[in-house]
Each structure stands twice: as structure tokens, then as C-alpha cells.
Amino acid sequence: MYNKYCHFLGMLLILICSSWGFYAHKKINHAAVFTLPTELAKFYKRHIDVITEKAVDADKRCYVDSLESPRHFIDVEEYEDGNMDSIPIHWSRAIEKFQERKLRASGIVPWQIYFTYQKLVKAFRESNTNAIIRHSADLGHYVSDAHVPLHTTRNYNGQLTGQIGIHAFWESRLPEMFADGYNLFVGKAEYLDSPLDSAWVIVRESNALVDSVLLLEKELSNTFPKHLQRSYITRNNILISSYSDAYASAYHERMQGMVEDRMRKSIQRTGSFWFSAWVDAGQPSLKGKLKSDQKDEVTDVQQGKIIGREEWH
């Protein structure tokens, strides 16, 4: 009974605390495969199931690695009154200006995208199947996280504005309810001249949406009948309090396609990062049996407490 309870508790913590939610992350990585040119797509389609499943490994690592959590966000307000122009985009220069401890405490997602991109380029050059899959899955995760507005602010869960729970609401509950109706055919991946610059473009876009995400929900909460805002839903056989379907629908409608747009951009740009890494590696042939290492990442749900930032339900 204790082990069963711990399993459910672990699942619940991940569903509450994970970015975009397991469902959306997997959907994004899966759809990104279909943005790729033919030669590259053949490799990714052979491994589409594992790349889809491993889309959430980065979230699982938050339970075992104290360095993982900062890789998923950046609190823009921590830098000179939220002026992103004050942040050097190159890691070495940022360390010179702010010191690494401050950078990691405030989140490093744009730099983490580039670090993981470089690992993927190396994996392609070495024709290492396992490494290509692992770093592709992680890269898709971090790129997608950067597309979430609440991953770019210290008020990441509405805790500063009396909106606790909005994080999981926006990036998990809404995609789970509405993503089946989204148009996730986003066209072809494009080559990125500067992956690092592209990562910062994503962060800037997301941060510009923070006020809308918070204000639209605040306005709705002031007009929507209080007794109809919450309801109970079942997750993994556990009954939990959540936003009601009616409230979620009203919020989703007020945002006028924002969640769908950020998911679509996540898909197209994930494919573009994968494609660009392959091009920068010299477009190696991915036919036949490639070498592989034995290293793998966390694949089982971890039980216990996240090490680092959590989102409260």
C-alpha cells in the first residue's frame, strides 16, 4: 500500500510541477519529427517513439539533480529591472557580468538550449544513435519550455499576484483539454544561422506575453462566478481540485489562440534546432547501423520532492 501511495504521489508531483505537462511535451517532440527534410526525417521516424517518450526526461531529472531545475526557466526581472538588453547573450560574458551563481539562481534556459544544441551537433558528428536521441529529446524539451511565458518571470506561478496554480493551468490543463483541436502541422524546419540568438528570440517573445497570461486570468476570476471556477478531476486514480472545464474554456477563449500558437512555434523551432544541428555537423549520413553508447537518462517516474523550483497547484 505504501509503495502504491508513493507511486501516485510521485506521479502527482510531476504532473503539477512539470513544464508544459507530459502530454504537451510528448506531443511537441512527436510533431517536430514531421517538420524535418526527408533524409533526416527517416532517422527520426525510426526513433520517434523513444524521442517522444524521452521528451519528459528533463523534468524527471529535477527529482535527482539539483542543477536541473534552473535549465527550464529564466527570471528576467532579476536583471536590472527586467531589462533583457542588460543580459549578455553569451554565457562567458554573462558570467563576467553577473557571476555564475546568480545566473543559475535566476534560470539559464536560453543558454541551456545552446549547450544542448552543441551536444547534439557533437552526437551527429560522432554518428552516435543514443546520444542523438537523448540530446534531441532534451533539446526539444528546453526549446518548448522557453516558449512558455511563465518560464520567464519570477511570478512563475502567480504566487505574487494571488493566482497560485496558474502555471499548471496554462501549460498542462489547457493543452490537455484543447490540443486535439489545434492545427499542429507547422510546415518545414528551417536552418538557424545563430541558434543562441534564436533561443533569446524565443525568450523575448514569451516574456512579452507574461502580462497577458496573468491579467486575462485575473480579469476572468473577478467576473466568473466563484463557485464555478473550481472542480475535481481524477489523475492517476487520485481526485484533485483543479480549474473547472467551464473556467478553463473561458480563459482559453480569452487568450485567443495563445497556447496553440506557442505550441506551434515550439514544434517548428524544435525541428529547426534538430535540423540545424545536423547541418552544422556536416550533414552526416544516418543510414545503416550507427554506433551507440550505453548512457541513458532517467526513464522511471521519480518519487519524492523536486530539487529546486516547484509550482504549487
C-alpha atoms as a PDB file:
ATOM      1  CA  MET A   1       0.000   0.000   0.000  1.00  0.00           C
ATOM      2  CA  TYR A   2       2.848   2.403   0.896  1.00  0.00           C
ATOM      3  CA  ASN A   3       4.628   1.802  -2.423  1.00  0.00           C
ATOM      4  CA  LYS A   4       1.370   2.307  -4.307  1.00  0.00           C
ATOM      5  CA  TYR A   5       0.769   5.587  -2.450  1.00  0.00           C
ATOM      6  CA  CYS A   6       4.314   6.791  -3.195  1.00  0.00           C
ATOM      7  CA  HIS A   7       3.875   5.969  -6.859  1.00  0.00           C
ATOM      8  CA  PHE A   8       0.686   8.033  -7.063  1.00  0.00           C
ATOM      9  CA  LEU A   9       2.291  10.864  -5.088  1.00  0.00           C
ATOM     10  CA  GLY A  10       5.293  10.878  -7.402  1.00  0.00           C
ATOM     11  CA  MET A  11       3.060  10.987 -10.457  1.00  0.00           C
ATOM     12  CA  LEU A  12       1.003  13.798  -8.960  1.00  0.00           C
ATOM     13  CA  LEU A  13       4.065  15.894  -8.115  1.00  0.00           C
ATOM     14  CA  ILE A  14       5.434  15.563 -11.626  1.00  0.00           C
ATOM     15  CA  LEU A  15       2.098  16.417 -13.228  1.00  0.00           C
ATOM     16  CA  ILE A  16       1.850  19.517 -11.055  1.00  0.00           C
ATOM     17  CA  CYS A  17       5.456  20.628 -11.329  1.00  0.00           C
ATOM     18  CA  SER A  18       6.489  19.676 -14.840  1.00  0.00           C
ATOM     19  CA  SER A  19       6.777  22.205 -17.620  1.00  0.00           C
ATOM     20  CA  TRP A  20       4.164  22.133 -20.440  1.00  0.00           C
ATOM     21  CA  GLY A  21       2.979  18.881 -18.871  1.00  0.00           C
ATOM     22  CA  PHE A  22       3.945  15.390 -20.041  1.00  0.00           C
ATOM     23  CA  TYR A  23       1.172  15.332 -22.611  1.00  0.00           C
ATOM     24  CA  ALA A  24       2.207  18.550 -24.372  1.00  0.00           C
ATOM     25  CA  HIS A  25       5.964  17.870 -24.289  1.00  0.00           C
ATOM     26  CA  LYS A  26       5.462  14.484 -25.910  1.00  0.00           C
ATOM     27  CA  LYS A  27       3.085  15.931 -28.490  1.00  0.00           C
ATOM     28  CA  ILE A  28       5.602  18.669 -29.397  1.00  0.00           C
ATOM     29  CA  ASN A  29       8.560  16.307 -29.863  1.00  0.00           C
ATOM     30  CA  HIS A  30       6.410  13.877 -31.858  1.00  0.00           C
ATOM     31  CA  ALA A  31       5.089  16.572 -34.201  1.00  0.00           C
ATOM     32  CA  ALA A  32       8.547  18.124 -34.672  1.00  0.00           C
ATOM     33  CA  VAL A  33       9.728  14.963 -36.422  1.00  0.00           C
ATOM     34  CA  PHE A  34       7.394  15.739 -39.321  1.00  0.00           C
ATOM     35  CA  THR A  35       8.996  19.139 -39.933  1.00  0.00           C
ATOM     36  CA  LEU A  36      12.297  17.569 -40.993  1.00  0.00           C
ATOM     37  CA  PRO A  37      13.669  17.067 -44.518  1.00  0.00           C
ATOM     38  CA  THR A  38      13.459  13.556 -45.914  1.00  0.00           C
ATOM     39  CA  GLU A  39      16.938  12.220 -45.104  1.00  0.00           C
ATOM     40  CA  LEU A  40      16.834  13.442 -41.531  1.00  0.00           C
ATOM     41  CA  ALA A  41      13.173  12.529 -41.071  1.00  0.00           C
ATOM     42  CA  LYS A  42      13.894   8.889 -41.895  1.00  0.00           C
ATOM     43  CA  PHE A  43      16.223   8.637 -38.884  1.00  0.00           C
ATOM     44  CA  TYR A  44      13.869  10.473 -36.551  1.00  0.00           C
ATOM     45  CA  LYS A  45      10.825   8.451 -37.663  1.00  0.00           C
ATOM     46  CA  ARG A  46      12.708   5.221 -36.894  1.00  0.00           C
ATOM     47  CA  HIS A  47      13.145   6.502 -33.341  1.00  0.00           C
ATOM     48  CA  ILE A  48      10.011   8.610 -32.990  1.00  0.00           C
ATOM     49  CA  ASP A  49       8.562   6.578 -30.130  1.00  0.00           C
ATOM     50  CA  VAL A  50      11.604   6.889 -27.895  1.00  0.00           C
ATOM     51  CA  ILE A  51      12.160  10.569 -28.776  1.00  0.00           C
ATOM     52  CA  THR A  52       8.528  11.156 -27.843  1.00  0.00           C
ATOM     53  CA  GLU A  53       8.798   9.263 -24.556  1.00  0.00           C
ATOM     54  CA  LYS A  54      12.095  10.891 -23.609  1.00  0.00           C
ATOM     55  CA  ALA A  55      10.631  14.365 -24.141  1.00  0.00           C
ATOM     56  CA  VAL A  56       9.943  14.443 -20.392  1.00  0.00           C
ATOM     57  CA  ASP A  57      13.251  13.063 -19.100  1.00  0.00           C
ATOM     58  CA  ALA A  58      14.478  16.573 -18.302  1.00  0.00           C
ATOM     59  CA  ASP A  59      11.534  17.082 -15.933  1.00  0.00           C
ATOM     60  CA  LYS A  60      12.180  13.737 -14.253  1.00  0.00           C
ATOM     61  CA  ARG A  61      15.793  14.732 -13.595  1.00  0.00           C
ATOM     62  CA  CYS A  62      14.513  17.562 -11.371  1.00  0.00           C
ATOM     63  CA  TYR A  63      13.989  14.873  -8.718  1.00  0.00           C
ATOM     64  CA  VAL A  64      17.592  13.707  -8.670  1.00  0.00           C
ATOM     65  CA  ASP A  65      19.773  16.559  -9.934  1.00  0.00           C
ATOM     66  CA  SER A  66      19.984  19.910  -8.140  1.00  0.00           C
ATOM     67  CA  LEU A  67      21.384  21.541 -11.295  1.00  0.00           C
ATOM     68  CA  GLU A  68      18.433  20.578 -13.496  1.00  0.00           C
ATOM     69  CA  SER A  69      15.661  22.928 -12.376  1.00  0.00           C
ATOM     70  CA  PRO A  70      17.372  26.213 -13.485  1.00  0.00           C
ATOM     71  CA  ARG A  71      17.729  24.832 -17.004  1.00  0.00           C
ATOM     72  CA  HIS A  72      13.979  25.190 -17.551  1.00  0.00           C
ATOM     73  CA  PHE A  73      13.414  28.914 -16.897  1.00  0.00           C
ATOM     74  CA  ILE A  74      14.834  32.419 -16.609  1.00  0.00           C
ATOM     75  CA  ASP A  75      13.537  35.101 -14.243  1.00  0.00           C
ATOM     76  CA  VAL A  76      14.002  38.180 -16.394  1.00  0.00           C
ATOM     77  CA  GLU A  77      13.104  40.601 -13.570  1.00  0.00           C
ATOM     78  CA  GLU A  78      16.239  39.576 -11.687  1.00  0.00           C
ATOM     79  CA  TYR A  79      18.317  41.551 -14.175  1.00  0.00           C
ATOM     80  CA  GLU A  80      18.285  45.338 -13.889  1.00  0.00           C
ATOM     81  CA  ASP A  81      14.541  45.854 -13.612  1.00  0.00           C
ATOM     82  CA  GLY A  82      13.684  43.219 -16.180  1.00  0.00           C
ATOM     83  CA  ASN A  83      15.684  44.776 -18.987  1.00  0.00           C
ATOM     84  CA  MET A  84      16.787  41.837 -21.141  1.00  0.00           C
ATOM     85  CA  ASP A  85      19.174  44.100 -23.016  1.00  0.00           C
ATOM     86  CA  SER A  86      21.236  44.175 -19.824  1.00  0.00           C
ATOM     87  CA  ILE A  87      21.896  40.421 -20.086  1.00  0.00           C
ATOM     88  CA  PRO A  88      24.838  39.420 -22.297  1.00  0.00           C
ATOM     89  CA  ILE A  89      23.605  36.638 -24.553  1.00  0.00           C
ATOM     90  CA  HIS A  90      26.941  34.788 -24.477  1.00  0.00           C
ATOM     91  CA  TRP A  91      27.452  32.650 -21.380  1.00  0.00           C
ATOM     92  CA  SER A  92      31.076  33.669 -20.818  1.00  0.00           C
ATOM     93  CA  ARG A  93      30.215  37.370 -20.886  1.00  0.00           C
ATOM     94  CA  ALA A  94      27.162  36.846 -18.702  1.00  0.00           C
ATOM     95  CA  ILE A  95      29.346  35.129 -16.086  1.00  0.00           C
ATOM     96  CA  GLU A  96      31.798  38.027 -16.191  1.00  0.00           C
ATOM     97  CA  LYS A  97      28.980  40.492 -15.512  1.00  0.00           C
ATOM     98  CA  PHE A  98      26.767  38.612 -13.054  1.00  0.00           C
ATOM     99  CA  GLN A  99      28.715  35.548 -11.802  1.00  0.00           C
ATOM    100  CA  GLU A 100      27.556  32.000 -12.411  1.00  0.00           C
ATOM    101  CA  ARG A 101      25.784  31.594  -9.056  1.00  0.00           C
ATOM    102  CA  LYS A 102      23.383  34.459  -9.840  1.00  0.00           C
ATOM    103  CA  LEU A 103      22.773  33.181 -13.365  1.00  0.00           C
ATOM    104  CA  ARG A 104      21.846  29.708 -12.171  1.00  0.00           C
ATOM    105  CA  ALA A 105      19.699  31.058  -9.345  1.00  0.00           C
ATOM    106  CA  SER A 106      17.765  33.145 -11.881  1.00  0.00           C
ATOM    107  CA  GLY A 107      17.487  30.386 -14.506  1.00  0.00           C
ATOM    108  CA  ILE A 108      19.522  29.615 -17.611  1.00  0.00           C
ATOM    109  CA  VAL A 109      17.086  28.249 -20.206  1.00  0.00           C
ATOM    110  CA  PRO A 110      18.365  30.243 -23.254  1.00  0.00           C
ATOM    111  CA  TRP A 111      21.937  29.179 -22.572  1.00  0.00           C
ATOM    112  CA  GLN A 112      20.846  25.605 -21.817  1.00  0.00           C
ATOM    113  CA  ILE A 113      19.218  25.424 -25.236  1.00  0.00           C
ATOM    114  CA  TYR A 114      22.557  26.324 -26.806  1.00  0.00           C
ATOM    115  CA  PHE A 115      24.557  23.951 -24.563  1.00  0.00           C
ATOM    116  CA  THR A 116      22.264  21.062 -25.537  1.00  0.00           C
ATOM    117  CA  TYR A 117      22.379  22.121 -29.181  1.00  0.00           C
ATOM    118  CA  GLN A 118      26.171  21.826 -29.115  1.00  0.00           C
ATOM    119  CA  LYS A 119      25.886  18.354 -27.599  1.00  0.00           C
ATOM    120  CA  LEU A 120      23.547  17.340 -30.416  1.00  0.00           C
ATOM    121  CA  VAL A 121      25.963  18.638 -33.063  1.00  0.00           C
ATOM    122  CA  LYS A 122      28.703  16.528 -31.452  1.00  0.00           C
ATOM    123  CA  ALA A 123      26.437  13.471 -31.366  1.00  0.00           C
ATOM    124  CA  PHE A 124      25.690  13.842 -35.090  1.00  0.00           C
ATOM    125  CA  ARG A 125      29.399  14.188 -35.886  1.00  0.00           C
ATOM    126  CA  GLU A 126      30.120  11.017 -33.951  1.00  0.00           C
ATOM    127  CA  SER A 127      27.123   9.213 -35.513  1.00  0.00           C
ATOM    128  CA  ASN A 128      26.093   8.147 -32.008  1.00  0.00           C
ATOM    129  CA  THR A 129      22.484   6.994 -32.121  1.00  0.00           C
ATOM    130  CA  ASN A 130      21.788   7.021 -28.390  1.00  0.00           C
ATOM    131  CA  ALA A 131      23.324  10.449 -27.950  1.00  0.00           C
ATOM    132  CA  ILE A 132      21.405  11.885 -30.925  1.00  0.00           C
ATOM    133  CA  ILE A 133      18.149  10.602 -29.464  1.00  0.00           C
ATOM    134  CA  ARG A 134      18.962  11.747 -25.932  1.00  0.00           C
ATOM    135  CA  HIS A 135      20.060  15.255 -26.846  1.00  0.00           C
ATOM    136  CA  SER A 136      17.283  15.686 -29.414  1.00  0.00           C
ATOM    137  CA  ALA A 137      14.684  14.854 -26.773  1.00  0.00           C
ATOM    138  CA  ASP A 138      16.256  17.205 -24.244  1.00  0.00           C
ATOM    139  CA  LEU A 139      16.689  19.988 -26.777  1.00  0.00           C
ATOM    140  CA  GLY A 140      13.016  19.758 -27.708  1.00  0.00           C
ATOM    141  CA  HIS A 141      12.148  19.984 -24.032  1.00  0.00           C
ATOM    142  CA  TYR A 142      14.185  23.112 -23.319  1.00  0.00           C
ATOM    143  CA  VAL A 143      13.091  24.839 -26.536  1.00  0.00           C
ATOM    144  CA  SER A 144       9.471  24.146 -25.618  1.00  0.00           C
ATOM    145  CA  ASP A 145       9.938  25.386 -22.058  1.00  0.00           C
ATOM    146  CA  ALA A 146      11.307  28.684 -23.355  1.00  0.00           C
ATOM    147  CA  HIS A 147       8.046  29.163 -25.269  1.00  0.00           C
ATOM    148  CA  VAL A 148       6.038  29.209 -22.028  1.00  0.00           C
ATOM    149  CA  PRO A 149       5.572  32.816 -20.825  1.00  0.00           C
ATOM    150  CA  LEU A 150       5.570  31.838 -17.141  1.00  0.00           C
ATOM    151  CA  HIS A 151       9.044  30.347 -17.576  1.00  0.00           C
ATOM    152  CA  THR A 152      10.428  33.859 -17.998  1.00  0.00           C
ATOM    153  CA  THR A 153       9.228  35.541 -14.812  1.00  0.00           C
ATOM    154  CA  ARG A 154       9.791  35.329 -11.056  1.00  0.00           C
ATOM    155  CA  ASN A 155       5.989  35.330 -10.728  1.00  0.00           C
ATOM    156  CA  TYR A 156       6.068  31.941 -12.423  1.00  0.00           C
ATOM    157  CA  ASN A 157       3.052  30.524 -10.614  1.00  0.00           C
ATOM    158  CA  GLY A 158       1.106  33.679  -9.894  1.00  0.00           C
ATOM    159  CA  GLN A 159       2.312  33.488  -6.282  1.00  0.00           C
ATOM    160  CA  LEU A 160       2.986  37.235  -6.262  1.00  0.00           C
ATOM    161  CA  THR A 161      -0.446  38.183  -7.587  1.00  0.00           C
ATOM    162  CA  GLY A 162      -2.761  35.784  -5.786  1.00  0.00           C
ATOM    163  CA  GLN A 163      -3.008  33.412  -8.766  1.00  0.00           C
ATOM    164  CA  ILE A 164      -1.323  30.310  -7.393  1.00  0.00           C
ATOM    165  CA  GLY A 165      -1.909  27.371  -9.732  1.00  0.00           C
ATOM    166  CA  ILE A 166      -1.860  29.322 -12.985  1.00  0.00           C
ATOM    167  CA  HIS A 167       1.371  27.636 -14.105  1.00  0.00           C
ATOM    168  CA  ALA A 168      -0.043  24.131 -14.341  1.00  0.00           C
ATOM    169  CA  PHE A 169      -3.338  25.595 -15.536  1.00  0.00           C
ATOM    170  CA  TRP A 170      -1.798  27.343 -18.550  1.00  0.00           C
ATOM    171  CA  GLU A 171       0.761  24.789 -19.663  1.00  0.00           C
ATOM    172  CA  SER A 172      -0.812  21.469 -18.652  1.00  0.00           C
ATOM    173  CA  ARG A 173      -4.569  21.687 -18.164  1.00  0.00           C
ATOM    174  CA  LEU A 174      -5.303  23.798 -21.243  1.00  0.00           C
ATOM    175  CA  PRO A 175      -3.238  21.702 -23.720  1.00  0.00           C
ATOM    176  CA  GLU A 176      -4.730  18.522 -22.318  1.00  0.00           C
ATOM    177  CA  MET A 177      -8.216  19.912 -22.873  1.00  0.00           C
ATOM    178  CA  PHE A 178      -7.792  21.630 -26.226  1.00  0.00           C
ATOM    179  CA  ALA A 179      -4.658  20.454 -28.077  1.00  0.00           C
ATOM    180  CA  ASP A 180      -6.530  17.770 -30.009  1.00  0.00           C
ATOM    181  CA  GLY A 181      -8.272  20.637 -31.793  1.00  0.00           C
ATOM    182  CA  TYR A 182      -5.083  22.573 -32.555  1.00  0.00           C
ATOM    183  CA  ASN A 183      -3.512  22.667 -36.008  1.00  0.00           C
ATOM    184  CA  LEU A 184      -0.070  21.281 -35.255  1.00  0.00           C
ATOM    185  CA  PHE A 185       1.051  20.895 -38.869  1.00  0.00           C
ATOM    186  CA  VAL A 186       3.525  23.756 -38.886  1.00  0.00           C
ATOM    187  CA  GLY A 187       5.494  23.433 -42.110  1.00  0.00           C
ATOM    188  CA  LYS A 188       9.171  22.712 -42.601  1.00  0.00           C
ATOM    189  CA  ALA A 189      12.098  23.151 -40.259  1.00  0.00           C
ATOM    190  CA  GLU A 190      14.449  25.983 -41.163  1.00  0.00           C
ATOM    191  CA  TYR A 191      18.182  26.391 -40.754  1.00  0.00           C
ATOM    192  CA  LEU A 192      19.085  28.673 -37.853  1.00  0.00           C
ATOM    193  CA  ASP A 193      22.051  30.932 -38.583  1.00  0.00           C
ATOM    194  CA  SER A 194      22.578  31.565 -34.863  1.00  0.00           C
ATOM    195  CA  PRO A 195      20.978  29.023 -32.510  1.00  0.00           C
ATOM    196  CA  LEU A 196      21.917  31.123 -29.476  1.00  0.00           C
ATOM    197  CA  ASP A 197      20.251  34.231 -30.907  1.00  0.00           C
ATOM    198  CA  SER A 198      17.216  32.107 -31.771  1.00  0.00           C
ATOM    199  CA  ALA A 199      16.972  30.938 -28.163  1.00  0.00           C
ATOM    200  CA  TRP A 200      16.893  34.532 -26.958  1.00  0.00           C
ATOM    201  CA  VAL A 201      14.258  35.466 -29.547  1.00  0.00           C
ATOM    202  CA  ILE A 202      12.029  32.773 -28.043  1.00  0.00           C
ATOM    203  CA  VAL A 203      12.573  34.074 -24.509  1.00  0.00           C
ATOM    204  CA  ARG A 204      11.792  37.649 -25.563  1.00  0.00           C
ATOM    205  CA  GLU A 205       8.574  36.546 -27.250  1.00  0.00           C
ATOM    206  CA  SER A 206       7.484  34.582 -24.195  1.00  0.00           C
ATOM    207  CA  ASN A 207       8.304  37.343 -21.738  1.00  0.00           C
ATOM    208  CA  ALA A 208       6.247  39.824 -23.763  1.00  0.00           C
ATOM    209  CA  LEU A 209       3.187  37.612 -23.107  1.00  0.00           C
ATOM    210  CA  VAL A 210       3.549  37.352 -19.311  1.00  0.00           C
ATOM    211  CA  ASP A 211       1.282  40.313 -18.538  1.00  0.00           C
ATOM    212  CA  SER A 212      -1.455  38.949 -20.794  1.00  0.00           C
ATOM    213  CA  VAL A 213      -1.303  35.477 -19.244  1.00  0.00           C
ATOM    214  CA  LEU A 214      -1.729  36.916 -15.751  1.00  0.00           C
ATOM    215  CA  LEU A 215      -4.069  39.823 -16.431  1.00  0.00           C
ATOM    216  CA  LEU A 216      -6.531  37.837 -18.529  1.00  0.00           C
ATOM    217  CA  GLU A 217      -6.880  35.221 -15.799  1.00  0.00           C
ATOM    218  CA  LYS A 218      -7.191  37.887 -13.090  1.00  0.00           C
ATOM    219  CA  GLU A 219      -9.927  39.692 -15.019  1.00  0.00           C
ATOM    220  CA  LEU A 220     -11.769  36.427 -15.605  1.00  0.00           C
ATOM    221  CA  SER A 221     -11.561  35.415 -11.946  1.00  0.00           C
ATOM    222  CA  ASN A 222     -13.188  38.718 -10.959  1.00  0.00           C
ATOM    223  CA  THR A 223     -16.183  38.195 -13.249  1.00  0.00           C
ATOM    224  CA  PHE A 224     -16.660  34.412 -13.368  1.00  0.00           C
ATOM    225  CA  PRO A 225     -18.887  33.004 -10.569  1.00  0.00           C
ATOM    226  CA  LYS A 226     -16.533  31.914  -7.771  1.00  0.00           C
ATOM    227  CA  HIS A 227     -18.373  28.682  -7.032  1.00  0.00           C
ATOM    228  CA  LEU A 228     -17.979  27.603 -10.671  1.00  0.00           C
ATOM    229  CA  GLN A 229     -14.262  28.250 -11.002  1.00  0.00           C
ATOM    230  CA  ARG A 230     -13.061  25.017  -9.405  1.00  0.00           C
ATOM    231  CA  SER A 231     -13.967  21.370  -9.747  1.00  0.00           C
ATOM    232  CA  TYR A 232     -12.475  17.951  -9.042  1.00  0.00           C
ATOM    233  CA  ILE A 233     -10.705  15.856 -11.654  1.00  0.00           C
ATOM    234  CA  THR A 234      -9.092  12.426 -11.456  1.00  0.00           C
ATOM    235  CA  ARG A 235      -5.409  11.970 -12.267  1.00  0.00           C
ATOM    236  CA  ASN A 236      -3.931   8.502 -11.963  1.00  0.00           C
ATOM    237  CA  ASN A 237      -6.809   7.413  -9.728  1.00  0.00           C
ATOM    238  CA  ILE A 238      -6.357  10.420  -7.430  1.00  0.00           C
ATOM    239  CA  LEU A 239      -9.107  13.013  -7.027  1.00  0.00           C
ATOM    240  CA  ILE A 240      -7.632  16.531  -7.049  1.00  0.00           C
ATOM    241  CA  SER A 241      -9.013  20.059  -7.087  1.00  0.00           C
ATOM    242  CA  SER A 242      -8.465  21.894 -10.364  1.00  0.00           C
ATOM    243  CA  TYR A 243      -9.953  24.625 -12.513  1.00  0.00           C
ATOM    244  CA  SER A 244     -13.354  23.677 -13.881  1.00  0.00           C
ATOM    245  CA  ASP A 245     -13.872  22.874 -17.554  1.00  0.00           C
ATOM    246  CA  ALA A 246     -16.095  25.935 -17.932  1.00  0.00           C
ATOM    247  CA  TYR A 247     -13.496  28.237 -16.386  1.00  0.00           C
ATOM    248  CA  ALA A 248     -10.712  26.703 -18.486  1.00  0.00           C
ATOM    249  CA  SER A 249     -12.774  27.171 -21.643  1.00  0.00           C
ATOM    250  CA  ALA A 250     -13.447  30.814 -20.808  1.00  0.00           C
ATOM    251  CA  TYR A 251      -9.761  31.505 -20.121  1.00  0.00           C
ATOM    252  CA  HIS A 252      -8.684  29.663 -23.256  1.00  0.00           C
ATOM    253  CA  GLU A 253     -11.096  31.727 -25.341  1.00  0.00           C
ATOM    254  CA  ARG A 254      -9.877  34.995 -23.830  1.00  0.00           C
ATOM    255  CA  MET A 255      -6.294  34.213 -24.847  1.00  0.00           C
ATOM    256  CA  GLN A 256      -7.357  33.985 -28.495  1.00  0.00           C
ATOM    257  CA  GLY A 257      -5.103  31.136 -29.557  1.00  0.00           C
ATOM    258  CA  MET A 258      -2.033  31.941 -27.454  1.00  0.00           C
ATOM    259  CA  VAL A 259      -1.473  28.389 -26.192  1.00  0.00           C
ATOM    260  CA  GLU A 260      -1.894  26.917 -29.671  1.00  0.00           C
ATOM    261  CA  ASP A 261       0.482  29.498 -31.129  1.00  0.00           C
ATOM    262  CA  ARG A 262       3.189  28.771 -28.533  1.00  0.00           C
ATOM    263  CA  MET A 263       2.815  25.027 -29.138  1.00  0.00           C
ATOM    264  CA  ARG A 264       3.042  25.500 -32.903  1.00  0.00           C
ATOM    265  CA  LYS A 265       6.169  27.620 -32.557  1.00  0.00           C
ATOM    266  CA  SER A 266       7.647  25.051 -30.163  1.00  0.00           C
ATOM    267  CA  ILE A 267       7.173  22.339 -32.769  1.00  0.00           C
ATOM    268  CA  GLN A 268       8.570  24.279 -35.708  1.00  0.00           C
ATOM    269  CA  ARG A 269      11.556  25.557 -33.773  1.00  0.00           C
ATOM    270  CA  THR A 270      12.353  22.206 -32.186  1.00  0.00           C
ATOM    271  CA  GLY A 271      12.555  20.759 -35.693  1.00  0.00           C
ATOM    272  CA  SER A 272      14.673  23.722 -36.797  1.00  0.00           C
ATOM    273  CA  PHE A 273      17.154  23.212 -33.950  1.00  0.00           C
ATOM    274  CA  TRP A 274      17.432  19.498 -34.797  1.00  0.00           C
ATOM    275  CA  PHE A 275      17.867  20.225 -38.495  1.00  0.00           C
ATOM    276  CA  SER A 276      20.436  22.975 -37.893  1.00  0.00           C
ATOM    277  CA  ALA A 277      22.498  20.723 -35.601  1.00  0.00           C
ATOM    278  CA  TRP A 278      22.630  18.094 -38.325  1.00  0.00           C
ATOM    279  CA  VAL A 279      23.684  20.693 -40.925  1.00  0.00           C
ATOM    280  CA  ASP A 280      26.331  22.153 -38.593  1.00  0.00           C
ATOM    281  CA  ALA A 281      27.657  18.636 -38.056  1.00  0.00           C
ATOM    282  CA  GLY A 282      28.256  18.335 -41.814  1.00  0.00           C
ATOM    283  CA  GLN A 283      25.029  16.508 -42.697  1.00  0.00           C
ATOM    284  CA  PRO A 284      26.393  13.046 -41.848  1.00  0.00           C
ATOM    285  CA  SER A 285      24.705  10.002 -43.319  1.00  0.00           C
ATOM    286  CA  LEU A 286      22.286   8.418 -40.866  1.00  0.00           C
ATOM    287  CA  LYS A 287      21.746   5.236 -42.867  1.00  0.00           C
ATOM    288  CA  GLY A 288      22.636   1.800 -41.610  1.00  0.00           C
ATOM    289  CA  LYS A 289      23.703   0.877 -38.106  1.00  0.00           C
ATOM    290  CA  LEU A 290      25.319   3.715 -36.211  1.00  0.00           C
ATOM    291  CA  LYS A 291      27.408   3.332 -33.115  1.00  0.00           C
ATOM    292  CA  SER A 292      25.812   3.945 -29.752  1.00  0.00           C
ATOM    293  CA  ASP A 293      26.866   4.419 -26.150  1.00  0.00           C
ATOM    294  CA  GLN A 294      25.272   2.802 -23.136  1.00  0.00           C
ATOM    295  CA  LYS A 295      24.424   6.009 -21.297  1.00  0.00           C
ATOM    296  CA  ASP A 296      20.777   6.686 -20.688  1.00  0.00           C
ATOM    297  CA  GLU A 297      18.793   9.175 -18.671  1.00  0.00           C
ATOM    298  CA  VAL A 298      16.046   8.822 -16.080  1.00  0.00           C
ATOM    299  CA  THR A 299      13.198   6.844 -17.576  1.00  0.00           C
ATOM    300  CA  ASP A 300      11.135   5.977 -14.494  1.00  0.00           C
ATOM    301  CA  VAL A 301       8.983   8.431 -12.579  1.00  0.00           C
ATOM    302  CA  GLN A 302      10.920   9.610  -9.556  1.00  0.00           C
ATOM    303  CA  GLN A 303       9.267   9.702  -6.169  1.00  0.00           C
ATOM    304  CA  GLY A 304       9.623  12.431  -3.598  1.00  0.00           C
ATOM    305  CA  LYS A 305      10.308  16.132  -3.778  1.00  0.00           C
ATOM    306  CA  ILE A 306      11.588  18.155  -6.714  1.00  0.00           C
ATOM    307  CA  ILE A 307      15.041  19.625  -6.084  1.00  0.00           C
ATOM    308  CA  GLY A 308      14.592  23.293  -6.833  1.00  0.00           C
ATOM    309  CA  ARG A 309      11.617  25.273  -8.095  1.00  0.00           C
ATOM    310  CA  GLU A 310       8.160  23.834  -7.766  1.00  0.00           C
ATOM    311  CA  GLU A 311       4.801  25.049  -8.996  1.00  0.00           C
ATOM    312  CA  TRP A 312       2.021  24.850  -6.462  1.00  0.00           C
ATOM    313  CA  HIS A 313      -1.377  23.589  -7.542  1.00  0.00           C
END
